[in-house]
Structures are given as structure tokens and as C-alpha cells.
């Protein structure tokens, strides 16, 4: 669970699908664009110009938490 505005949460969810699972959604807003920009500093785009985060699981998790911090979300744990 993260605390933040709902549109930003939606953009973050689509960004995770795009960057970590390769499910390109065509939904792009400022938060999503920031996620791609952040990821492209660490991972090179593929032949189609799309950035995907493919790494060892621990590094992927570190990248996910770095992104949440970068975007201003505060991770507060699992929802109950």
C-alpha cells in the first residue's frame, strides 16, 4: 500500500506493468513518464525504444522501492 493521490497510484500501477512485466499499456502521464526516465538511467531501451527492468529479483525489488521514493510515494506496508 502506498499513500498518494489516486491518479498517481493508477499511473504507478501501469508503470509497474510496463517496466517490470512488459505489458505495455499506452497510458502515459507525468508519473509514468518519470518512471520510464528513472529506469532508463539504469536500463537501456530495447530495439523498439521501450525500457524494461529485467534483472535479478533482489535488484528488481530495490529498483521498485527506489521508484516509489523517487515519485514521492511512501510505502507503508501491506493493506489489511
PDB file of N, CA and C in Angstrom:
ATOM      1  N   UNK A   1       0.843  -1.172   0.000  1.00  0.00           N
ATOM      2  CA  UNK A   1       0.000   0.000   0.000  1.00  0.00           C
ATOM      3  C   UNK A   1       0.889   1.237   0.000  1.00  0.00           C
ATOM      4  N   UNK A   2       0.511   2.213  -0.772  1.00  0.00           N
ATOM      5  CA  UNK A   2       1.215   3.482  -0.793  1.00  0.00           C
ATOM      6  C   UNK A   2       0.235   4.589  -0.497  1.00  0.00           C
ATOM      7  N   UNK A   3       0.749   5.674   0.011  1.00  0.00           N
ATOM      8  CA  UNK A   3      -0.091   6.850   0.221  1.00  0.00           C
ATOM      9  C   UNK A   3       0.212   7.829  -0.898  1.00  0.00           C
ATOM     10  N   UNK A   4      -0.820   8.371  -1.501  1.00  0.00           N
ATOM     11  CA  UNK A   4      -0.645   9.312  -2.600  1.00  0.00           C
ATOM     12  C   UNK A   4      -1.969   9.518  -3.306  1.00  0.00           C
ATOM     13  N   UNK A   5      -2.012  10.397  -4.268  1.00  0.00           N
ATOM     14  CA  UNK A   5      -3.233  10.679  -4.990  1.00  0.00           C
ATOM     15  C   UNK A   5      -3.598   9.519  -5.913  1.00  0.00           C
ATOM     16  N   UNK A   6      -4.899   9.231  -6.046  1.00  0.00           N
ATOM     17  CA  UNK A   6      -5.348   8.085  -6.844  1.00  0.00           C
ATOM     18  C   UNK A   6      -4.856   8.115  -8.291  1.00  0.00           C
ATOM     19  N   UNK A   7      -4.931   9.258  -9.005  1.00  0.00           N
ATOM     20  CA  UNK A   7      -4.407   9.227 -10.386  1.00  0.00           C
ATOM     21  C   UNK A   7      -2.929   8.836 -10.447  1.00  0.00           C
ATOM     22  N   UNK A   8      -2.161   9.259  -9.449  1.00  0.00           N
ATOM     23  CA  UNK A   8      -0.747   8.892  -9.414  1.00  0.00           C
ATOM     24  C   UNK A   8      -0.585   7.408  -9.121  1.00  0.00           C
ATOM     25  N   UNK A   9      -1.450   6.862  -8.265  1.00  0.00           N
ATOM     26  CA  UNK A   9      -1.393   5.436  -7.981  1.00  0.00           C
ATOM     27  C   UNK A   9      -1.705   4.639  -9.241  1.00  0.00           C
ATOM     28  N   UNK A  10      -2.704   5.102  -9.996  1.00  0.00           N
ATOM     29  CA  UNK A  10      -3.048   4.416 -11.241  1.00  0.00           C
ATOM     30  C   UNK A  10      -1.877   4.455 -12.211  1.00  0.00           C
ATOM     31  N   UNK A  11      -1.247   5.617 -12.366  1.00  0.00           N
ATOM     32  CA  UNK A  11      -0.101   5.750 -13.259  1.00  0.00           C
ATOM     33  C   UNK A  11       1.031   4.850 -12.793  1.00  0.00           C
ATOM     34  N   UNK A  12       1.225   4.771 -11.489  1.00  0.00           N
ATOM     35  CA  UNK A  12       2.279   3.925 -10.938  1.00  0.00           C
ATOM     36  C   UNK A  12       1.996   2.458 -11.255  1.00  0.00           C
ATOM     37  N   UNK A  13       0.730   2.054 -11.106  1.00  0.00           N
ATOM     38  CA  UNK A  13       0.364   0.669 -11.403  1.00  0.00           C
ATOM     39  C   UNK A  13       0.643   0.333 -12.870  1.00  0.00           C
ATOM     40  N   UNK A  14       0.241   1.229 -13.782  1.00  0.00           N
ATOM     41  CA  UNK A  14       0.511   0.991 -15.206  1.00  0.00           C
ATOM     42  C   UNK A  14       2.011   0.998 -15.477  1.00  0.00           C
ATOM     43  N   UNK A  15       2.747   1.867 -14.800  1.00  0.00           N
ATOM     44  CA  UNK A  15       4.195   1.915 -14.964  1.00  0.00           C
ATOM     45  C   UNK A  15       4.862   0.624 -14.540  1.00  0.00           C
ATOM     46  N   UNK A  16       4.385   0.041 -13.439  1.00  0.00           N
ATOM     47  CA  UNK A  16       4.931  -1.237 -12.974  1.00  0.00           C
ATOM     48  C   UNK A  16       4.671  -2.319 -14.015  1.00  0.00           C
ATOM     49  N   UNK A  17       3.445  -2.339 -14.543  1.00  0.00           N
ATOM     50  CA  UNK A  17       3.130  -3.330 -15.581  1.00  0.00           C
ATOM     51  C   UNK A  17       4.035  -3.158 -16.790  1.00  0.00           C
ATOM     52  N   UNK A  18       4.241  -1.922 -17.194  1.00  0.00           N
ATOM     53  CA  UNK A  18       5.092  -1.648 -18.357  1.00  0.00           C
ATOM     54  C   UNK A  18       6.535  -2.049 -18.110  1.00  0.00           C
ATOM     55  N   UNK A  19       7.111  -1.518 -17.039  1.00  0.00           N
ATOM     56  CA  UNK A  19       8.547  -1.647 -16.816  1.00  0.00           C
ATOM     57  C   UNK A  19       8.976  -3.014 -16.298  1.00  0.00           C
ATOM     58  N   UNK A  20       8.159  -3.636 -15.460  1.00  0.00           N
ATOM     59  CA  UNK A  20       8.569  -4.892 -14.843  1.00  0.00           C
ATOM     60  C   UNK A  20       7.986  -6.126 -15.531  1.00  0.00           C
ATOM     61  N   UNK A  21       6.816  -5.986 -16.153  1.00  0.00           N
ATOM     62  CA  UNK A  21       6.156  -7.152 -16.737  1.00  0.00           C
ATOM     63  C   UNK A  21       6.014  -7.084 -18.252  1.00  0.00           C
ATOM     64  N   UNK A  22       6.435  -5.974 -18.859  1.00  0.00           N
ATOM     65  CA  UNK A  22       6.371  -5.850 -20.307  1.00  0.00           C
ATOM     66  C   UNK A  22       4.966  -5.790 -20.870  1.00  0.00           C
ATOM     67  N   UNK A  23       3.992  -5.405 -20.068  1.00  0.00           N
ATOM     68  CA  UNK A  23       2.594  -5.280 -20.514  1.00  0.00           C
ATOM     69  C   UNK A  23       2.344  -3.823 -20.871  1.00  0.00           C
ATOM     70  N   UNK A  24       2.734  -3.405 -22.051  1.00  0.00           N
ATOM     71  CA  UNK A  24       2.675  -2.001 -22.428  1.00  0.00           C
ATOM     72  C   UNK A  24       1.237  -1.540 -22.561  1.00  0.00           C
ATOM     73  N   UNK A  25       0.897  -0.509 -21.811  1.00  0.00           N
ATOM     74  CA  UNK A  25      -0.495  -0.098 -21.660  1.00  0.00           C
ATOM     75  C   UNK A  25      -0.879   1.100 -22.506  1.00  0.00           C
ATOM     76  N   UNK A  26       0.052   1.801 -23.037  1.00  0.00           N
ATOM     77  CA  UNK A  26      -0.153   3.047 -23.795  1.00  0.00           C
ATOM     78  C   UNK A  26      -0.698   4.170 -22.925  1.00  0.00           C
ATOM     79  N   UNK A  27      -0.815   3.950 -21.624  1.00  0.00           N
ATOM     80  CA  UNK A  27      -1.226   5.002 -20.694  1.00  0.00           C
ATOM     81  C   UNK A  27       0.041   5.738 -20.299  1.00  0.00           C
ATOM     82  N   UNK A  28       0.098   7.008 -20.584  1.00  0.00           N
ATOM     83  CA  UNK A  28       1.277   7.785 -20.223  1.00  0.00           C
ATOM     84  C   UNK A  28       0.820   9.105 -19.620  1.00  0.00           C
ATOM     85  N   UNK A  29       1.296   9.386 -18.438  1.00  0.00           N
ATOM     86  CA  UNK A  29       1.125  10.704 -17.837  1.00  0.00           C
ATOM     87  C   UNK A  29       2.444  11.072 -17.177  1.00  0.00           C
ATOM     88  N   UNK A  30       2.472  12.134 -16.423  1.00  0.00           N
ATOM     89  CA  UNK A  30       3.753  12.613 -15.901  1.00  0.00           C
ATOM     90  C   UNK A  30       4.421  11.604 -14.979  1.00  0.00           C
ATOM     91  N   UNK A  31       3.666  10.947 -14.106  1.00  0.00           N
ATOM     92  CA  UNK A  31       4.276   9.967 -13.187  1.00  0.00           C
ATOM     93  C   UNK A  31       4.834   8.780 -13.960  1.00  0.00           C
ATOM     94  N   UNK A  32       4.085   8.320 -14.926  1.00  0.00           N
ATOM     95  CA  UNK A  32       4.534   7.189 -15.742  1.00  0.00           C
ATOM     96  C   UNK A  32       5.794   7.586 -16.505  1.00  0.00           C
ATOM     97  N   UNK A  33       5.790   8.774 -17.082  1.00  0.00           N
ATOM     98  CA  UNK A  33       6.958   9.259 -17.826  1.00  0.00           C
ATOM     99  C   UNK A  33       8.177   9.386 -16.910  1.00  0.00           C
ATOM    100  N   UNK A  34       7.963   9.816 -15.670  1.00  0.00           N
ATOM    101  CA  UNK A  34       9.073   9.916 -14.719  1.00  0.00           C
ATOM    102  C   UNK A  34       9.642   8.540 -14.401  1.00  0.00           C
ATOM    103  N   UNK A  35       8.769   7.534 -14.286  1.00  0.00           N
ATOM    104  CA  UNK A  35       9.237   6.177 -14.013  1.00  0.00           C
ATOM    105  C   UNK A  35      10.121   5.671 -15.153  1.00  0.00           C
ATOM    106  N   UNK A  36       9.693   5.909 -16.383  1.00  0.00           N
ATOM    107  CA  UNK A  36      10.472   5.469 -17.550  1.00  0.00           C
ATOM    108  C   UNK A  36      11.809   6.203 -17.584  1.00  0.00           C
ATOM    109  N   UNK A  37      11.768   7.490 -17.310  1.00  0.00           N
ATOM    110  CA  UNK A  37      13.007   8.284 -17.299  1.00  0.00           C
ATOM    111  C   UNK A  37      13.979   7.756 -16.243  1.00  0.00           C
ATOM    112  N   UNK A  38      13.460   7.474 -15.057  1.00  0.00           N
ATOM    113  CA  UNK A  38      14.282   6.945 -13.965  1.00  0.00           C
ATOM    114  C   UNK A  38      14.873   5.583 -14.354  1.00  0.00           C
ATOM    115  N   UNK A  39      14.038   4.705 -14.901  1.00  0.00           N
ATOM    116  CA  UNK A  39      14.502   3.365 -15.281  1.00  0.00           C
ATOM    117  C   UNK A  39      15.536   3.434 -16.396  1.00  0.00           C
ATOM    118  N   UNK A  40      15.355   4.379 -17.321  1.00  0.00           N
ATOM    119  CA  UNK A  40      16.283   4.454 -18.456  1.00  0.00           C
ATOM    120  C   UNK A  40      17.685   4.910 -18.043  1.00  0.00           C
ATOM    121  N   UNK A  41      17.820   5.425 -16.839  1.00  0.00           N
ATOM    122  CA  UNK A  41      19.154   5.762 -16.329  1.00  0.00           C
ATOM    123  C   UNK A  41      19.929   4.497 -15.967  1.00  0.00           C
ATOM    124  N   UNK A  42      19.208   3.394 -15.708  1.00  0.00           N
ATOM    125  CA  UNK A  42      19.832   2.160 -15.259  1.00  0.00           C
ATOM    126  C   UNK A  42      19.717   1.009 -16.265  1.00  0.00           C
ATOM    127  N   UNK A  43      18.719   1.096 -17.162  1.00  0.00           N
ATOM    128  CA  UNK A  43      18.488   0.028 -18.139  1.00  0.00           C
ATOM    129  C   UNK A  43      18.341   0.638 -19.523  1.00  0.00           C
ATOM    130  N   UNK A  44      18.957   0.001 -20.495  1.00  0.00           N
ATOM    131  CA  UNK A  44      18.912   0.523 -21.863  1.00  0.00           C
ATOM    132  C   UNK A  44      17.601   0.109 -22.545  1.00  0.00           C
ATOM    133  N   UNK A  45      17.075   0.982 -23.412  1.00  0.00           N
ATOM    134  CA  UNK A  45      15.865   0.623 -24.168  1.00  0.00           C
ATOM    135  C   UNK A  45      16.136  -0.552 -25.106  1.00  0.00           C
ATOM    136  N   UNK A  46      15.082  -1.320 -25.395  1.00  0.00           N
ATOM    137  CA  UNK A  46      15.222  -2.430 -26.332  1.00  0.00           C
ATOM    138  C   UNK A  46      15.167  -1.901 -27.764  1.00  0.00           C
ATOM    139  N   UNK A  47      15.101  -2.773 -28.721  1.00  0.00           N
ATOM    140  CA  UNK A  47      15.115  -2.385 -30.142  1.00  0.00           C
ATOM    141  C   UNK A  47      13.926  -1.500 -30.516  1.00  0.00           C
ATOM    142  N   UNK A  48      12.837  -1.600 -29.747  1.00  0.00           N
ATOM    143  CA  UNK A  48      11.644  -0.797 -30.023  1.00  0.00           C
ATOM    144  C   UNK A  48      11.635   0.510 -29.252  1.00  0.00           C
ATOM    145  N   UNK A  49      12.692   0.776 -28.506  1.00  0.00           N
ATOM    146  CA  UNK A  49      12.785   2.005 -27.728  1.00  0.00           C
ATOM    147  C   UNK A  49      12.078   1.944 -26.392  1.00  0.00           C
ATOM    148  N   UNK A  50      11.668   0.748 -25.977  1.00  0.00           N
ATOM    149  CA  UNK A  50      10.956   0.580 -24.710  1.00  0.00           C
ATOM    150  C   UNK A  50      11.921   0.101 -23.633  1.00  0.00           C
ATOM    151  N   UNK A  51      11.760   0.632 -22.443  1.00  0.00           N
ATOM    152  CA  UNK A  51      12.618   0.253 -21.323  1.00  0.00           C
ATOM    153  C   UNK A  51      11.925  -0.826 -20.513  1.00  0.00           C
ATOM    154  N   UNK A  52      12.643  -1.893 -20.212  1.00  0.00           N
ATOM    155  CA  UNK A  52      12.136  -2.948 -19.341  1.00  0.00           C
ATOM    156  C   UNK A  52      13.166  -3.212 -18.264  1.00  0.00           C
ATOM    157  N   UNK A  53      12.669  -3.421 -17.060  1.00  0.00           N
ATOM    158  CA  UNK A  53      13.555  -3.728 -15.937  1.00  0.00           C
ATOM    159  C   UNK A  53      13.617  -5.244 -15.814  1.00  0.00           C
ATOM    160  N   UNK A  54      14.732  -5.790 -16.287  1.00  0.00           N
ATOM    161  CA  UNK A  54      14.959  -7.226 -16.204  1.00  0.00           C
ATOM    162  C   UNK A  54      16.301  -7.395 -15.518  1.00  0.00           C
ATOM    163  N   UNK A  55      16.245  -7.960 -14.324  1.00  0.00           N
ATOM    164  CA  UNK A  55      17.440  -8.088 -13.506  1.00  0.00           C
ATOM    165  C   UNK A  55      17.199  -9.216 -12.517  1.00  0.00           C
ATOM    166  N   UNK A  56      18.134  -9.433 -11.625  1.00  0.00           N
ATOM    167  CA  UNK A  56      17.917 -10.436 -10.594  1.00  0.00           C
ATOM    168  C   UNK A  56      16.810  -9.924  -9.651  1.00  0.00           C
ATOM    169  N   UNK A  57      16.042 -10.814  -9.039  1.00  0.00           N
ATOM    170  CA  UNK A  57      14.881 -10.401  -8.233  1.00  0.00           C
ATOM    171  C   UNK A  57      15.191  -9.356  -7.156  1.00  0.00           C
ATOM    172  N   UNK A  58      16.294  -9.521  -6.467  1.00  0.00           N
ATOM    173  CA  UNK A  58      16.619  -8.555  -5.411  1.00  0.00           C
ATOM    174  C   UNK A  58      16.841  -7.158  -5.995  1.00  0.00           C
ATOM    175  N   UNK A  59      17.521  -7.084  -7.121  1.00  0.00           N
ATOM    176  CA  UNK A  59      17.784  -5.794  -7.768  1.00  0.00           C
ATOM    177  C   UNK A  59      16.487  -5.178  -8.295  1.00  0.00           C
ATOM    178  N   UNK A  60      15.583  -6.010  -8.822  1.00  0.00           N
ATOM    179  CA  UNK A  60      14.290  -5.503  -9.282  1.00  0.00           C
ATOM    180  C   UNK A  60      13.489  -4.906  -8.122  1.00  0.00           C
ATOM    181  N   UNK A  61      13.513  -5.590  -6.984  1.00  0.00           N
ATOM    182  CA  UNK A  61      12.800  -5.081  -5.817  1.00  0.00           C
ATOM    183  C   UNK A  61      13.401  -3.766  -5.333  1.00  0.00           C
ATOM    184  N   UNK A  62      14.715  -3.683  -5.328  1.00  0.00           N
ATOM    185  CA  UNK A  62      15.378  -2.427  -4.951  1.00  0.00           C
ATOM    186  C   UNK A  62      14.988  -1.303  -5.908  1.00  0.00           C
ATOM    187  N   UNK A  63      14.908  -1.611  -7.199  1.00  0.00           N
ATOM    188  CA  UNK A  63      14.508  -0.611  -8.179  1.00  0.00           C
ATOM    189  C   UNK A  63      13.068  -0.167  -7.941  1.00  0.00           C
ATOM    190  N   UNK A  64      12.189  -1.102  -7.616  1.00  0.00           N
ATOM    191  CA  UNK A  64      10.789  -0.768  -7.349  1.00  0.00           C
ATOM    192  C   UNK A  64      10.688   0.203  -6.174  1.00  0.00           C
ATOM    193  N   UNK A  65      11.378  -0.084  -5.081  1.00  0.00           N
ATOM    194  CA  UNK A  65      11.325   0.812  -3.924  1.00  0.00           C
ATOM    195  C   UNK A  65      12.003   2.145  -4.214  1.00  0.00           C
ATOM    196  N   UNK A  66      13.065   2.129  -5.006  1.00  0.00           N
ATOM    197  CA  UNK A  66      13.697   3.386  -5.398  1.00  0.00           C
ATOM    198  C   UNK A  66      12.721   4.250  -6.192  1.00  0.00           C
ATOM    199  N   UNK A  67      11.960   3.600  -7.074  1.00  0.00           N
ATOM    200  CA  UNK A  67      10.972   4.340  -7.861  1.00  0.00           C
ATOM    201  C   UNK A  67       9.886   4.944  -6.998  1.00  0.00           C
ATOM    202  N   UNK A  68       9.407   4.183  -6.026  1.00  0.00           N
ATOM    203  CA  UNK A  68       8.354   4.729  -5.156  1.00  0.00           C
ATOM    204  C   UNK A  68       8.875   5.954  -4.417  1.00  0.00           C
ATOM    205  N   UNK A  69      10.110   5.884  -3.942  1.00  0.00           N
ATOM    206  CA  UNK A  69      10.708   7.044  -3.273  1.00  0.00           C
ATOM    207  C   UNK A  69      10.871   8.211  -4.242  1.00  0.00           C
ATOM    208  N   UNK A  70      11.368   7.923  -5.428  1.00  0.00           N
ATOM    209  CA  UNK A  70      11.607   8.938  -6.450  1.00  0.00           C
ATOM    210  C   UNK A  70      10.316   9.672  -6.814  1.00  0.00           C
ATOM    211  N   UNK A  71       9.207   8.938  -6.849  1.00  0.00           N
ATOM    212  CA  UNK A  71       7.922   9.520  -7.228  1.00  0.00           C
ATOM    213  C   UNK A  71       7.179  10.160  -6.062  1.00  0.00           C
ATOM    214  N   UNK A  72       7.723  10.048  -4.870  1.00  0.00           N
ATOM    215  CA  UNK A  72       7.112  10.705  -3.721  1.00  0.00           C
ATOM    216  C   UNK A  72       6.068   9.877  -2.983  1.00  0.00           C
ATOM    217  N   UNK A  73       5.991   8.593  -3.281  1.00  0.00           N
ATOM    218  CA  UNK A  73       5.075   7.721  -2.552  1.00  0.00           C
ATOM    219  C   UNK A  73       5.771   7.224  -1.297  1.00  0.00           C
ATOM    220  N   UNK A  74       4.989   6.975  -0.283  1.00  0.00           N
ATOM    221  CA  UNK A  74       5.553   6.433   0.940  1.00  0.00           C
ATOM    222  C   UNK A  74       5.019   5.025   1.112  1.00  0.00           C
ATOM    223  N   UNK A  75       5.909   4.060   1.097  1.00  0.00           N
ATOM    224  CA  UNK A  75       5.500   2.664   1.306  1.00  0.00           C
ATOM    225  C   UNK A  75       5.200   2.466   2.775  1.00  0.00           C
ATOM    226  N   UNK A  76       3.995   1.983   3.087  1.00  0.00           N
ATOM    227  CA  UNK A  76       3.611   1.815   4.480  1.00  0.00           C
ATOM    228  C   UNK A  76       3.279   0.361   4.833  1.00  0.00           C
ATOM    229  N   UNK A  77       3.535  -0.551   3.941  1.00  0.00           N
ATOM    230  CA  UNK A  77       3.301  -1.957   4.215  1.00  0.00           C
ATOM    231  C   UNK A  77       2.085  -2.493   3.480  1.00  0.00           C
ATOM    232  N   UNK A  78       1.742  -3.723   3.771  1.00  0.00           N
ATOM    233  CA  UNK A  78       0.622  -4.374   3.101  1.00  0.00           C
ATOM    234  C   UNK A  78      -0.717  -3.894   3.626  1.00  0.00           C
ATOM    235  N   UNK A  79      -1.705  -3.837   2.726  1.00  0.00           N
ATOM    236  CA  UNK A  79      -3.062  -3.499   3.137  1.00  0.00           C
ATOM    237  C   UNK A  79      -3.661  -4.677   3.873  1.00  0.00           C
ATOM    238  N   UNK A  80      -4.482  -4.378   4.841  1.00  0.00           N
ATOM    239  CA  UNK A  80      -5.146  -5.462   5.589  1.00  0.00           C
ATOM    240  C   UNK A  80      -6.624  -5.395   5.391  1.00  0.00           C
TER     241      UNK A  80
END
